[in-house]
Protein backbone atom coordinates (compact mmCIF):
# COMPACT_ATOMS: atom_id res chain seq x y z
CA UNK A 1 -77.02 33.39 -37.11
CA UNK A 2 -75.25 31.10 -39.55
CA UNK A 3 -76.07 27.42 -39.91
CA UNK A 4 -72.69 26.40 -38.45
CA UNK A 5 -73.19 28.53 -35.33
CA UNK A 6 -76.68 27.11 -34.79
CA UNK A 7 -75.32 23.55 -34.95
CA UNK A 8 -72.38 24.40 -32.69
CA UNK A 9 -74.72 25.96 -30.12
CA UNK A 10 -77.07 22.95 -30.31
CA UNK A 11 -74.24 20.46 -29.69
CA UNK A 12 -72.78 22.57 -26.88
CA UNK A 13 -76.15 22.61 -25.11
CA UNK A 14 -76.64 18.88 -25.75
CA UNK A 15 -73.20 18.08 -24.32
CA UNK A 16 -73.79 20.25 -21.23
CA UNK A 17 -77.19 18.69 -20.50
CA UNK A 18 -75.78 15.16 -21.02
CA UNK A 19 -72.84 15.90 -18.72
CA UNK A 20 -75.07 17.25 -15.95
CA UNK A 21 -77.46 14.30 -16.23
CA UNK A 22 -74.59 11.84 -16.02
CA UNK A 23 -73.26 13.51 -12.88
CA UNK A 24 -76.65 13.57 -11.14
CA UNK A 25 -77.14 11.67 -7.91
CA UNK A 26 -79.47 8.69 -7.99
CA UNK A 27 -82.11 9.00 -5.29
CA UNK A 28 -81.90 5.36 -4.24
CA UNK A 29 -79.86 4.34 -1.21
CA UNK A 30 -77.48 1.44 -1.55
CA UNK A 31 -76.49 0.01 1.81
CA UNK A 32 -74.91 3.00 3.53
CA UNK A 33 -74.09 5.25 0.54
CA UNK A 34 -75.96 6.97 -2.23
CA UNK A 35 -75.04 5.77 -5.71
CA UNK A 36 -73.78 8.35 -8.15
CA UNK A 37 -73.51 8.18 -11.89
CA UNK A 38 -69.91 8.91 -12.75
CA UNK A 39 -68.42 10.09 -16.01
CA UNK A 40 -64.69 9.97 -15.43
CA UNK A 41 -62.98 12.44 -17.76
CA UNK A 42 -59.50 11.27 -16.72
CA UNK A 43 -57.88 7.99 -15.86
CA UNK A 44 -56.88 7.16 -12.32
CA UNK A 45 -53.39 5.81 -11.72
CA UNK A 46 -52.73 3.52 -8.75
CA UNK A 47 -49.13 3.01 -7.67
CA UNK A 48 -47.78 0.63 -5.04
CA UNK A 49 -44.23 1.37 -3.91
CA UNK A 50 -41.97 -1.20 -2.24
CA UNK A 51 -40.44 0.64 0.74
CA UNK A 52 -39.62 -2.50 2.75
CA UNK A 53 -35.87 -1.82 2.59
CA UNK A 54 -32.97 -4.24 3.06
CA UNK A 55 -33.35 -5.61 -0.47
CA UNK A 56 -36.73 -7.21 0.34
CA UNK A 57 -39.00 -8.10 -2.59
CA UNK A 58 -42.75 -7.44 -2.53
CA UNK A 59 -45.08 -9.74 -4.45
CA UNK A 60 -48.37 -8.21 -5.58
CA UNK A 61 -51.47 -9.73 -7.19
CA UNK A 62 -54.21 -7.21 -8.02
CA UNK A 63 -57.68 -7.90 -9.42
CA UNK A 64 -61.01 -6.30 -10.06
CA UNK A 65 -64.28 -7.95 -11.02
CA UNK A 66 -63.27 -7.71 -14.67
CA UNK A 67 -59.47 -7.54 -14.67
CA UNK A 68 -56.71 -9.73 -13.28
CA UNK A 69 -53.46 -7.76 -13.38
CA UNK A 70 -51.38 -10.85 -12.69
CA UNK A 71 -48.68 -11.63 -10.14
CA UNK A 72 -45.81 -9.15 -10.07
CA UNK A 73 -42.70 -9.09 -7.87
CA UNK A 74 -41.11 -5.72 -7.35
CA UNK A 75 -37.69 -5.14 -5.87
CA UNK A 76 -36.71 -2.78 -3.09
CA UNK A 77 -37.71 0.80 -3.99
CA UNK A 78 -39.57 -0.48 -7.06
CA UNK A 79 -43.11 0.41 -8.07
CA UNK A 80 -46.07 -1.36 -9.68
CA UNK A 81 -48.81 0.73 -11.28
CA UNK A 82 -51.86 0.60 -13.53
CA UNK A 83 -54.36 3.06 -15.01
CA UNK A 84 -58.13 2.81 -15.41
CA UNK A 85 -61.34 4.79 -15.56
CA UNK A 86 -63.93 4.50 -12.82
CA UNK A 87 -67.03 2.75 -14.16
CA UNK A 88 -70.22 4.76 -14.72
CA UNK A 89 -71.85 3.41 -11.54
CA UNK A 90 -68.89 4.43 -9.40
CA UNK A 91 -68.45 0.88 -8.12
CA UNK A 92 -64.91 0.21 -9.37
CA UNK A 93 -62.92 -1.92 -6.89
CA UNK A 94 -59.37 -3.22 -7.14
CA UNK A 95 -58.09 -5.45 -4.37
CA UNK A 96 -54.53 -6.68 -4.05
CA UNK A 97 -52.75 -9.46 -2.25
CA UNK A 98 -49.38 -8.23 -1.00
CA UNK A 99 -46.74 -10.64 0.32
CA UNK A 100 -43.23 -10.38 1.63
CA UNK A 101 -41.04 -12.40 4.01
CA UNK A 102 -42.54 -11.05 7.25
CA UNK A 103 -46.14 -10.27 6.29
CA UNK A 104 -49.02 -10.53 3.89
CA UNK A 105 -52.56 -9.33 3.37
CA UNK A 106 -55.36 -8.70 0.90
CA UNK A 107 -56.45 -5.06 0.80
CA UNK A 108 -58.92 -2.83 -1.07
CA UNK A 109 -56.36 -0.69 -2.87
CA UNK A 110 -58.90 1.26 -4.92
CA UNK A 111 -62.54 1.47 -3.90
CA UNK A 112 -64.42 4.14 -5.90
CA UNK A 113 -66.91 5.06 -3.16
CA UNK A 114 -63.95 5.77 -0.82
CA UNK A 115 -61.31 6.97 -3.25
CA UNK A 116 -63.04 9.10 -5.92
CA UNK A 117 -62.57 12.11 -3.65
CA UNK A 118 -59.63 10.84 -1.57
CA UNK A 119 -57.37 10.29 -4.57
CA UNK A 120 -59.26 11.12 -7.78
CA UNK A 121 -56.34 10.86 -10.23
CA UNK A 122 -53.36 9.46 -8.26
CA UNK A 123 -53.66 6.81 -5.55
CA UNK A 124 -50.28 6.07 -4.02
CA UNK A 125 -49.58 3.27 -1.55
CA UNK A 126 -46.32 2.40 0.17
CA UNK A 127 -45.52 -0.99 1.64
CA UNK A 128 -43.34 -0.54 4.74
CA UNK A 129 -42.27 -3.16 7.27
CA UNK A 130 -44.84 -1.90 9.80
CA UNK A 131 -47.86 -1.55 7.46
CA UNK A 132 -49.16 -0.40 4.07
CA UNK A 133 -49.80 3.39 3.92
CA UNK A 134 -52.27 5.11 1.57
CA UNK A 135 -51.72 8.71 0.51
CA UNK A 136 -54.62 11.20 0.35
CA UNK A 137 -54.13 13.27 -2.79
CA UNK A 138 -54.22 17.03 -2.41
CA UNK A 139 -52.81 17.47 1.07
CA UNK A 140 -50.28 14.60 0.76
CA UNK A 141 -51.15 13.01 4.09
CA UNK A 142 -50.86 9.29 4.74
CA UNK A 143 -54.44 8.70 5.80
CA UNK A 144 -55.05 5.01 5.33
CA UNK A 145 -53.19 2.16 6.98
CA UNK A 146 -53.45 -1.59 6.46
CA UNK A 147 -51.58 -3.73 8.96
CA UNK A 148 -49.74 -6.85 7.87
CA UNK A 149 -50.84 -10.32 8.85
CA UNK A 150 -47.68 -11.81 10.33
CA UNK A 151 -46.67 -15.45 9.85
CA UNK A 152 -47.09 -17.65 12.92
């Protein structure tokens, strides 16, 4: 076997072993879930659609522990989105404050322990007048609902 083939085989085996080790489950419990090491090969995109209707604006302010995405106002039928990779511990969390004329709330829009399997590459949310709906990727069902806090 040529020198190049030996090196190629060595690096293929090294990559495979490294990948498997990274994906292994840690044996320590953390609250109510097992931690997993995560190597995210693709970015996740989170999109929040304004479906309030009647020309209503939706103001959004999203943050994680490390990133503040700023305050954004999107018009009727507009969308706000961002991309990221889940951190290696699988603890990525983005929460967003959403406000409009008749409601507001702060919601966990991306929580890795919940969403890595629910919406691994595309997490879509729609803000409607009744509530905020989250879409489960794969079967395209609205499976998560956050109700608005209404002004007094």
